[in-house]
Amino acid sequence: MRLSAAVERFLTAAQLEYGYSEHTVRAYQRDLGAFAAFAESAGHADLAACDLELMRDWLWQRQQQGLAATTLARNVATLKSFGAWLERSRLVPGSPASRLRAPKAGRDLPRVLADEQMRRLLERVEARADLERPESLRDHAVLELLYAAALRVSELCSLPLTGVDAGARTVRVLGKGGKERVVPYGRPAARAIETYVRDARPALLLRAESAGRGRPPEPARDALFVGNRGGRLSTNAVYRTVARELADEPGGGPRGPHTLRHTAATHLLNGGADLRVVQEMLGHSSLSSTQVYTHVSTERLAQSYRQAHPRA
């Protein structure tokens, strides 16, 4: 069997049998596609040649390209998952990735906006929201909900219309590993979502039909957030929207939707929320993933101390 054929079978199993998220499957596809291309260029297109040394050669090449330790660690995790599946499927006698080790990665603190920055950003987006431009009402609701519920962008884009409980002000989201959780949101987000669902969403769907694209497919009609063409709102579209708004705010670092998730988690902890509650809200399986936000809070406290205390 060719290595590329085994990769295709693994991706199908990851999606259909194991129920991995679309984001995870795309990451597997990207990493294993690069690995299979490397193997083929080295004359090892057959699965029988997929061994520990070949995997190490590929990782070494990527390290020489200057890729970050976090990227290399993800590559190792992908190879380990693929190798374990090969062994379970009895395509190889043992996992060729079992002895791979991920590089140690220093953990950078995530970018977090100050309370005033977040307030200014949302007020700016709200001021631009206009009934004549339904996409502006949608973008306002998207940003409010990302921050209010600390959602991942994939969770937001996959939200069904029925996943919103307007009375309880909660959304039911499907997180990593297919884990479902219910997350609350506040009054500003509730107002933005109500306006969007009532006025903007029907207009976006009607616009798509009027443009001759026909009635949107069932998944798009069921989606909470729809794009300008009437289909389900894409993660790339959300990235562009968030990046545009964050470009107007001072400070370096990432400009993606995850910045709003980081910001929400940090603001919750700064406001006195229990770490376990924030863990549940974020959908983290491990408390250590949530604890990074306590480091952010501590660092901000230390910075304020150094600036303000006369004997700092």
Protein backbone atom coordinates (compact mmCIF):
# COMPACT_ATOMS: atom_id res chain seq x y z
CA MET A 1 0.00 0.00 0.00
CA ARG A 2 1.18 3.51 -0.76
CA LEU A 3 1.71 5.83 2.19
CA SER A 4 -0.61 8.43 0.65
CA ALA A 5 -3.44 5.84 0.48
CA ALA A 6 -2.93 4.98 4.15
CA VAL A 7 -3.10 8.68 5.02
CA GLU A 8 -6.44 9.00 3.19
CA ARG A 9 -7.84 6.02 5.08
CA PHE A 10 -6.68 7.48 8.38
CA LEU A 11 -8.29 10.87 7.65
CA THR A 12 -11.57 9.16 6.78
CA ALA A 13 -11.46 7.19 10.03
CA ALA A 14 -10.62 10.32 12.03
CA GLN A 15 -13.65 12.10 10.64
CA LEU A 16 -16.26 9.35 10.40
CA GLU A 17 -15.28 6.78 13.03
CA TYR A 18 -13.62 8.84 15.74
CA GLY A 19 -15.66 12.02 15.31
CA TYR A 20 -12.69 14.39 15.42
CA SER A 21 -13.51 18.04 14.81
CA GLU A 22 -13.19 19.57 11.36
CA HIS A 23 -10.30 21.67 12.63
CA THR A 24 -8.40 18.60 13.90
CA VAL A 25 -8.95 16.68 10.67
CA ARG A 26 -7.67 19.64 8.64
CA ALA A 27 -4.56 19.82 10.82
CA TYR A 28 -3.97 16.07 10.35
CA GLN A 29 -4.47 16.43 6.60
CA ARG A 30 -2.00 19.32 6.39
CA ASP A 31 0.70 17.60 8.46
CA LEU A 32 0.39 14.13 6.94
CA GLY A 33 0.14 15.57 3.43
CA ALA A 34 3.49 17.28 3.99
CA PHE A 35 4.96 14.10 5.48
CA ALA A 36 3.76 11.93 2.57
CA ALA A 37 5.14 14.44 0.03
CA PHE A 38 8.51 14.38 1.84
CA ALA A 39 8.54 10.57 1.87
CA GLU A 40 7.74 10.39 -1.84
CA SER A 41 10.44 12.92 -2.72
CA ALA A 42 12.90 10.76 -0.77
CA GLY A 43 11.85 7.66 -2.73
CA HIS A 44 9.82 6.12 0.10
CA ALA A 45 6.27 6.29 -1.24
CA ASP A 46 5.42 2.79 0.00
CA LEU A 47 3.92 2.34 3.47
CA ALA A 48 6.51 -0.35 4.26
CA ALA A 49 9.17 2.40 4.24
CA CYS A 50 7.31 4.45 6.86
CA ASP A 51 9.56 3.93 9.85
CA LEU A 52 10.97 5.91 12.78
CA GLU A 53 13.98 7.15 10.82
CA LEU A 54 11.85 8.53 8.00
CA MET A 55 9.69 10.40 10.50
CA ARG A 56 12.75 11.79 12.27
CA ASP A 57 14.22 12.92 8.95
CA TRP A 58 11.03 14.80 8.14
CA LEU A 59 10.91 16.47 11.55
CA TRP A 60 14.59 17.42 11.27
CA GLN A 61 13.94 19.02 7.88
CA ARG A 62 11.07 21.05 9.32
CA GLN A 63 13.22 22.10 12.26
CA GLN A 64 15.88 23.32 9.82
CA GLN A 65 13.19 25.41 8.12
CA GLY A 66 12.86 27.37 11.37
CA LEU A 67 9.41 26.15 12.40
CA ALA A 68 8.34 26.90 15.96
CA ALA A 69 8.63 24.27 18.67
CA THR A 70 4.84 24.32 19.07
CA THR A 71 4.42 23.46 15.36
CA LEU A 72 6.94 20.62 15.63
CA ALA A 73 5.16 19.33 18.73
CA ARG A 74 1.90 19.26 16.77
CA ASN A 75 3.65 17.39 13.92
CA VAL A 76 4.88 14.78 16.42
CA ALA A 77 1.36 14.42 17.87
CA THR A 78 -0.02 13.92 14.36
CA LEU A 79 2.55 11.23 13.55
CA LYS A 80 1.84 9.47 16.84
CA SER A 81 -1.91 9.41 16.13
CA PHE A 82 -1.26 8.15 12.60
CA GLY A 83 1.23 5.53 13.80
CA ALA A 84 -1.13 4.25 16.49
CA TRP A 85 -3.92 3.94 13.90
CA LEU A 86 -1.62 2.03 11.53
CA GLU A 87 -0.87 -0.44 14.33
CA ARG A 88 -4.54 -0.82 15.34
CA SER A 89 -5.48 -1.36 11.70
CA ARG A 90 -2.75 -4.01 11.41
CA LEU A 91 -1.20 -2.24 8.44
CA VAL A 92 2.15 -2.30 10.24
CA PRO A 93 3.41 -4.60 13.03
CA GLY A 94 3.98 -1.73 15.46
CA SER A 95 3.63 2.04 15.57
CA PRO A 96 6.66 3.63 13.88
CA ALA A 97 6.05 6.82 15.88
CA SER A 98 6.03 5.28 19.35
CA ARG A 99 9.54 6.54 20.18
CA LEU A 100 9.13 10.06 18.82
CA ARG A 101 9.51 12.85 21.36
CA ALA A 102 8.09 16.33 21.02
CA PRO A 103 10.51 19.26 21.51
CA LYS A 104 10.20 21.26 24.69
CA ALA A 105 8.33 24.47 23.98
CA GLY A 106 8.40 27.61 26.03
CA ARG A 107 4.88 28.83 26.69
CA ASP A 108 4.21 32.39 25.61
CA LEU A 109 1.49 34.29 27.42
CA PRO A 110 -1.52 34.89 25.16
CA ARG A 111 -2.42 38.36 23.97
CA VAL A 112 -5.11 39.90 26.17
CA LEU A 113 -6.92 43.20 25.65
CA ALA A 114 -7.48 45.53 28.57
CA ASP A 115 -11.05 46.11 29.77
CA GLU A 116 -11.08 49.56 28.19
CA GLN A 117 -9.79 48.22 24.86
CA MET A 118 -12.50 45.55 24.75
CA ARG A 119 -15.20 48.04 25.62
CA ARG A 120 -13.97 50.45 22.94
CA LEU A 121 -13.79 47.71 20.30
CA LEU A 122 -17.35 46.50 20.92
CA GLU A 123 -18.74 50.04 21.06
CA ARG A 124 -17.05 50.79 17.75
CA VAL A 125 -18.57 47.70 16.10
CA GLU A 126 -22.00 48.48 17.57
CA ALA A 127 -21.87 52.05 16.26
CA ARG A 128 -21.31 50.72 12.73
CA ALA A 129 -24.16 48.20 12.94
CA ASP A 130 -26.78 49.31 10.44
CA LEU A 131 -30.06 47.75 9.31
CA GLU A 132 -29.13 48.69 5.74
CA ARG A 133 -26.04 46.48 6.01
CA PRO A 134 -27.11 43.15 7.56
CA GLU A 135 -23.51 41.88 7.60
CA SER A 136 -22.61 44.67 10.03
CA LEU A 137 -25.32 43.47 12.45
CA ARG A 138 -24.00 39.92 12.09
CA ASP A 139 -20.41 41.00 12.75
CA HIS A 140 -21.53 42.85 15.88
CA ALA A 141 -23.30 39.72 17.17
CA VAL A 142 -20.29 37.55 16.30
CA LEU A 143 -17.84 39.72 18.24
CA GLU A 144 -20.16 40.10 21.21
CA LEU A 145 -20.72 36.35 21.46
CA LEU A 146 -17.05 35.42 20.95
CA TYR A 147 -16.12 37.61 23.90
CA ALA A 148 -19.19 37.00 26.08
CA ALA A 149 -19.03 33.19 25.88
CA ALA A 150 -15.26 32.81 25.26
CA LEU A 151 -15.96 30.53 22.29
CA ARG A 152 -13.51 28.96 19.88
CA VAL A 153 -14.10 30.20 16.33
CA SER A 154 -14.99 26.66 15.18
CA GLU A 155 -17.61 26.42 17.93
CA LEU A 156 -19.14 29.74 16.92
CA CYS A 157 -19.33 28.89 13.21
CA SER A 158 -20.89 25.48 13.87
CA LEU A 159 -23.58 26.83 16.21
CA PRO A 160 -27.08 25.89 15.04
CA LEU A 161 -29.94 28.33 15.39
CA THR A 162 -31.51 25.91 17.87
CA GLY A 163 -28.34 26.04 19.99
CA VAL A 164 -29.31 29.45 21.35
CA ASP A 165 -31.58 29.65 24.39
CA ALA A 166 -32.55 33.33 24.37
CA GLY A 167 -34.58 33.05 27.58
CA ALA A 168 -31.73 31.52 29.60
CA ARG A 169 -29.10 33.48 27.64
CA THR A 170 -27.01 30.37 26.94
CA VAL A 171 -25.56 28.63 23.90
CA ARG A 172 -25.06 24.89 23.53
CA VAL A 173 -21.75 24.31 21.76
CA LEU A 174 -19.91 21.26 20.49
CA GLY A 175 -16.26 21.57 21.51
CA LYS A 176 -13.09 19.55 20.97
CA GLY A 177 -13.53 15.79 20.96
CA GLY A 178 -17.26 16.17 20.37
CA LYS A 179 -17.81 17.33 23.96
CA GLU A 180 -20.98 19.37 24.42
CA ARG A 181 -21.29 22.17 26.95
CA VAL A 182 -23.71 24.98 27.77
CA VAL A 183 -22.17 28.44 28.07
CA PRO A 184 -23.87 31.63 29.33
CA TYR A 185 -23.65 35.05 27.72
CA GLY A 186 -24.61 38.53 28.87
CA ARG A 187 -27.20 41.17 28.02
CA PRO A 188 -25.18 43.09 25.37
CA ALA A 189 -24.58 39.86 23.44
CA ALA A 190 -28.26 38.93 23.88
CA ARG A 191 -29.37 42.24 22.34
CA ALA A 192 -26.92 41.89 19.44
CA ILE A 193 -28.00 38.29 18.72
CA GLU A 194 -31.69 39.17 18.92
CA THR A 195 -31.29 42.04 16.44
CA TYR A 196 -29.20 39.90 14.10
CA VAL A 197 -31.61 36.92 14.13
CA ARG A 198 -34.66 39.16 13.69
CA ASP A 199 -33.39 41.61 11.08
CA ALA A 200 -30.06 40.60 9.55
CA ARG A 201 -30.13 36.82 9.19
CA PRO A 202 -33.31 36.71 7.06
CA ALA A 203 -31.92 39.55 4.94
CA LEU A 204 -28.67 37.68 4.29
CA LEU A 205 -30.55 34.51 3.28
CA LEU A 206 -32.92 36.51 1.07
CA ARG A 207 -30.00 38.33 -0.54
CA ALA A 208 -28.46 35.00 -1.54
CA GLU A 209 -31.71 33.79 -3.07
CA SER A 210 -32.27 37.08 -4.89
CA ALA A 211 -28.77 36.90 -6.37
CA GLY A 212 -29.78 33.69 -8.12
CA ARG A 213 -27.87 31.33 -5.88
CA GLY A 214 -31.02 29.46 -4.97
CA ARG A 215 -32.16 28.42 -1.55
CA PRO A 216 -29.22 27.80 0.82
CA PRO A 217 -28.54 24.13 1.69
CA GLU A 218 -30.07 22.72 4.86
CA PRO A 219 -26.94 23.11 7.06
CA ALA A 220 -26.77 26.81 6.20
CA ARG A 221 -30.47 27.33 6.88
CA ASP A 222 -29.98 25.74 10.30
CA ALA A 223 -26.82 27.72 11.14
CA LEU A 224 -26.99 30.64 13.54
CA PHE A 225 -24.46 32.71 11.61
CA VAL A 226 -24.62 32.85 7.83
CA GLY A 227 -22.19 34.42 5.40
CA ASN A 228 -22.71 37.12 2.80
CA ARG A 229 -23.55 34.47 0.18
CA GLY A 230 -26.13 32.74 2.32
CA GLY A 231 -24.03 29.75 3.38
CA ARG A 232 -22.74 28.96 6.84
CA LEU A 233 -20.34 31.65 8.05
CA SER A 234 -16.76 30.43 7.57
CA THR A 235 -13.97 30.54 10.13
CA ASN A 236 -11.86 32.52 7.64
CA ALA A 237 -14.53 35.22 7.46
CA VAL A 238 -14.56 35.49 11.26
CA TYR A 239 -10.75 35.70 11.32
CA ARG A 240 -10.87 38.61 8.85
CA THR A 241 -13.52 40.43 10.87
CA VAL A 242 -11.66 40.08 14.16
CA ALA A 243 -8.28 40.95 12.61
CA ARG A 244 -9.76 44.14 11.14
CA GLU A 245 -10.99 45.29 14.53
CA LEU A 246 -7.87 44.29 16.46
CA ALA A 247 -5.71 46.19 13.97
CA ASP A 248 -7.18 49.40 15.41
CA GLU A 249 -6.13 48.50 18.96
CA PRO A 250 -2.62 49.12 20.32
CA GLY A 251 -0.43 46.18 21.23
CA GLY A 252 1.29 43.43 19.32
CA GLY A 253 0.57 39.76 19.05
CA PRO A 254 -2.06 37.64 17.33
CA ARG A 255 -5.13 39.22 15.79
CA GLY A 256 -7.37 36.18 15.53
CA PRO A 257 -10.61 35.24 17.32
CA HIS A 258 -8.66 33.33 19.98
CA THR A 259 -7.49 36.69 21.33
CA LEU A 260 -11.09 37.41 22.36
CA ARG A 261 -11.31 33.99 24.05
CA HIS A 262 -8.07 34.69 25.93
CA THR A 263 -9.35 38.12 26.89
CA ALA A 264 -12.68 36.80 28.17
CA ALA A 265 -11.02 34.11 30.29
CA THR A 266 -8.56 36.58 31.82
CA HIS A 267 -11.28 39.13 32.55
CA LEU A 268 -13.36 36.45 34.25
CA LEU A 269 -10.48 35.49 36.53
CA ASN A 270 -9.64 39.13 37.22
CA GLY A 271 -13.27 39.63 38.20
CA GLY A 272 -13.11 36.84 40.77
CA ALA A 273 -14.45 33.82 38.86
CA ASP A 274 -13.37 30.42 40.16
CA LEU A 275 -10.71 28.68 38.06
CA ARG A 276 -12.81 25.50 37.80
CA VAL A 277 -15.80 27.49 36.54
CA VAL A 278 -13.67 29.13 33.87
CA GLN A 279 -12.29 25.71 32.92
CA GLU A 280 -15.83 24.40 32.42
CA MET A 281 -16.84 27.49 30.45
CA LEU A 282 -13.86 27.19 28.12
CA GLY A 283 -14.33 23.46 27.65
CA HIS A 284 -10.79 22.60 28.76
CA SER A 285 -10.32 18.94 29.64
CA SER A 286 -7.26 19.79 31.75
CA LEU A 287 -7.04 22.46 34.41
CA SER A 288 -3.45 23.20 33.33
CA SER A 289 -4.79 24.62 30.06
CA THR A 290 -6.86 27.13 32.03
CA GLN A 291 -4.12 28.04 34.47
CA VAL A 292 -2.24 29.99 31.80
CA TYR A 293 -4.78 32.77 32.37
CA THR A 294 -3.82 33.01 36.03
CA HIS A 295 -0.27 33.65 34.80
CA VAL A 296 -1.60 36.49 32.64
CA SER A 297 -3.40 38.00 35.64
CA THR A 298 -0.31 37.64 37.83
CA GLU A 299 1.92 39.23 35.22
CA ARG A 300 -0.43 42.19 34.87
CA LEU A 301 -0.50 42.58 38.66
CA ALA A 302 3.29 42.48 38.80
CA GLN A 303 3.56 45.06 36.03
CA SER A 304 1.14 47.41 37.81
CA TYR A 305 3.08 46.92 41.05
CA ARG A 306 6.39 47.79 39.42
CA GLN A 307 4.90 50.92 37.90
CA ALA A 308 3.01 52.15 40.96
CA HIS A 309 4.72 51.01 44.16
CA PRO A 310 7.38 53.43 45.46
CA ARG A 311 9.62 50.57 46.60
CA ALA A 312 9.03 48.19 43.71
